[in-house]
Protein backbone atom coordinates (compact mmCIF):
# COMPACT_ATOMS: atom_id res chain seq x y z
CA MET A 1 -11.26 -73.73 43.21
CA ALA A 2 -10.70 -70.67 40.60
CA CYS A 3 -12.57 -68.34 39.02
CA GLN A 4 -11.93 -67.35 35.73
CA ILE A 5 -13.42 -63.84 34.85
CA VAL A 6 -12.80 -62.16 30.87
CA ASN A 7 -15.48 -60.19 30.72
CA LEU A 8 -19.05 -61.18 32.33
CA PRO A 9 -21.72 -60.14 30.52
CA SER A 10 -23.50 -56.96 31.98
CA GLY A 11 -27.02 -56.06 32.06
CA VAL A 12 -30.26 -58.79 32.71
CA ASP A 13 -28.02 -61.39 33.73
CA PHE A 14 -27.35 -59.97 36.39
CA PRO A 15 -30.50 -60.31 39.18
CA PHE A 16 -29.87 -57.36 41.93
CA ALA A 17 -28.33 -53.66 41.34
CA HIS A 18 -27.45 -51.10 44.27
CA ARG A 19 -26.76 -47.88 43.61
CA GLN A 20 -24.40 -46.37 45.10
CA ARG A 21 -22.16 -42.48 45.24
CA VAL A 22 -18.20 -42.29 45.07
CA ARG A 23 -16.99 -40.13 48.00
CA PHE A 24 -14.16 -37.62 47.78
CA GLY A 25 -12.86 -40.52 50.13
CA GLU A 26 -12.80 -42.97 48.41
CA THR A 27 -10.55 -41.39 44.99
CA ASP A 28 -7.01 -40.71 44.85
CA LEU A 29 -5.35 -37.77 43.82
CA GLN A 30 -6.47 -37.85 40.21
CA ALA A 31 -10.25 -37.73 41.95
CA VAL A 32 -10.51 -41.55 40.04
CA VAL A 33 -11.76 -44.86 42.81
CA TYR A 34 -8.72 -45.85 45.04
CA TYR A 35 -8.51 -49.52 43.17
CA ALA A 36 -8.54 -51.78 46.36
CA ASN A 37 -12.02 -49.37 46.98
CA TYR A 38 -13.97 -52.30 44.39
CA LEU A 39 -13.40 -54.64 46.77
CA VAL A 40 -15.29 -52.32 49.17
CA PHE A 41 -18.02 -52.04 46.55
CA ALA A 42 -18.35 -55.57 46.14
CA GLU A 43 -18.76 -56.29 49.98
CA VAL A 44 -21.56 -53.45 49.90
CA GLY A 45 -23.34 -55.06 47.15
CA ARG A 46 -22.75 -58.50 48.57
CA ILE A 47 -24.48 -58.10 51.87
CA ALA A 48 -27.00 -56.09 50.47
CA PHE A 49 -28.19 -59.06 47.97
CA LEU A 50 -27.64 -61.44 50.93
CA ARG A 51 -29.68 -58.89 52.84
CA SER A 52 -32.67 -59.57 49.94
CA LEU A 53 -32.54 -63.06 49.52
CA GLY A 54 -34.00 -62.58 52.60
CA ILE A 55 -30.41 -63.62 54.47
CA VAL A 56 -30.00 -61.61 57.77
CA TYR A 57 -26.84 -62.41 58.82
CA GLU A 58 -26.69 -62.57 63.21
CA ARG A 59 -30.22 -65.16 62.62
CA ASP A 60 -28.63 -67.30 59.62
CA LEU A 61 -25.42 -67.82 60.02
CA VAL A 62 -23.81 -66.58 63.03
CA ALA A 63 -26.51 -67.55 65.74
CA GLN A 64 -25.66 -71.10 63.96
CA GLY A 65 -22.29 -70.97 64.33
CA LEU A 66 -20.83 -70.19 61.01
CA ASP A 67 -19.87 -67.55 59.53
CA PHE A 68 -17.72 -67.39 56.15
CA THR A 69 -14.35 -65.32 54.68
CA ILE A 70 -13.20 -64.45 51.34
CA GLY A 71 -10.77 -67.07 50.44
CA GLU A 72 -10.04 -65.00 46.78
CA ALA A 73 -10.94 -61.67 45.09
CA ARG A 74 -10.56 -60.84 41.76
CA LEU A 75 -10.70 -56.88 39.65
CA ARG A 76 -9.99 -56.51 35.82
CA TYR A 77 -10.72 -52.71 35.56
CA HIS A 78 -12.73 -51.21 32.62
CA ALA A 79 -13.07 -47.83 33.41
CA PRO A 80 -12.95 -45.96 35.34
CA LEU A 81 -15.07 -43.98 38.59
CA ARG A 82 -14.88 -40.72 39.62
CA PHE A 83 -16.13 -38.99 42.54
CA ASP A 84 -19.66 -38.37 42.77
CA ASP A 85 -20.16 -40.80 39.67
CA GLU A 86 -23.41 -42.93 40.44
CA TYR A 87 -22.78 -46.37 40.11
CA ASP A 88 -24.16 -49.72 40.12
CA ILE A 89 -23.58 -53.26 41.53
CA LYS A 90 -24.56 -56.15 40.18
CA VAL A 91 -24.12 -58.87 41.93
CA ARG A 92 -24.62 -62.96 40.80
CA VAL A 93 -24.32 -66.16 42.26
CA GLY A 94 -21.32 -68.10 40.54
CA ASP A 95 -20.23 -71.63 41.32
CA ILE A 96 -21.41 -73.49 44.60
CA ARG A 97 -19.30 -76.41 45.56
CA HIS A 98 -18.96 -78.12 49.23
CA SER A 99 -17.87 -75.15 51.79
CA SER A 100 -17.82 -72.74 49.25
CA TRP A 101 -19.28 -70.13 46.04
CA THR A 102 -18.48 -67.18 44.07
CA PHE A 103 -19.69 -63.95 44.06
CA GLU A 104 -19.66 -61.97 40.75
CA TYR A 105 -20.17 -58.76 40.16
CA ALA A 106 -20.54 -55.96 37.33
CA ILE A 107 -19.97 -52.25 38.37
CA ASP A 108 -20.65 -50.12 36.22
CA ARG A 109 -21.48 -46.50 36.15
CA ALA A 110 -25.28 -44.80 35.52
CA ASP A 111 -24.94 -43.78 32.10
CA GLY A 112 -24.36 -47.00 31.79
CA THR A 113 -19.88 -47.43 31.09
CA HIS A 114 -18.88 -51.28 32.37
CA CYS A 115 -16.05 -50.14 34.47
CA VAL A 116 -15.19 -53.20 36.83
CA ASP A 117 -15.32 -56.98 36.63
CA ALA A 118 -14.99 -58.58 39.61
CA SER A 119 -15.69 -62.09 42.37
CA THR A 120 -15.28 -63.09 45.63
CA ILE A 121 -15.24 -67.17 46.87
CA GLN A 122 -17.30 -66.80 49.87
CA VAL A 123 -15.23 -70.17 52.26
CA MET A 124 -18.41 -71.26 54.98
CA LEU A 125 -16.54 -71.30 58.22
CA ASP A 126 -17.79 -73.32 61.63
CA ARG A 127 -17.32 -70.25 64.24
CA LYS A 128 -15.77 -72.79 66.98
CA SER A 129 -12.60 -74.24 64.89
CA GLY A 130 -12.32 -71.76 62.44
CA ARG A 131 -11.98 -74.74 59.74
CA ALA A 132 -14.15 -74.42 56.57
CA THR A 133 -17.33 -76.75 56.79
CA ARG A 134 -19.77 -77.16 54.23
CA ILE A 135 -22.76 -74.62 53.72
CA PRO A 136 -25.61 -75.88 55.81
CA GLU A 137 -28.99 -77.05 53.05
CA ALA A 138 -31.22 -73.87 53.49
CA LEU A 139 -28.26 -71.61 52.08
CA ARG A 140 -27.49 -74.26 49.22
CA LYS A 141 -30.74 -73.83 48.81
CA THR A 142 -30.98 -70.12 48.85
CA LEU A 143 -28.10 -69.39 46.20
CA GLU A 144 -29.46 -72.94 44.66
CA ARG A 145 -32.55 -70.39 43.82
CA ALA A 146 -31.13 -66.80 43.54
CA LYS A 147 -28.42 -68.44 40.15
CA GLU A 148 -31.04 -69.75 38.64
CA ALA A 149 -33.04 -66.82 38.41
């Protein structure tokens, strides 16, 4: 279930973008975003993207006895983000498997500078057992439509 990212194309290849601004607390002593915060940025983009697809976490997952966890996360850094930079978290759907799917991200400064490629593999879980389970058909269809967009 490996996901290799070398250089993800940016721009029109990502159907969704969520604009943010770097906060002081997200930076290190050099006023550069601390490397692990890019995973938080991916989470912000992931949740905003799911919301834009009409997926409501409580209704569509928790109320159905489901959840998902991150089985893998990858980052590749190209250029820094600094305090007060505006940036876009671009998100798209990658591979969809039986019980997991990939989100791919491009994090770009508002001036167009490509900063980070990222990917996460979400693994669908049964909340009661905590074990991996198949992606429900409605969610699968939503992800497949988003992938084709």
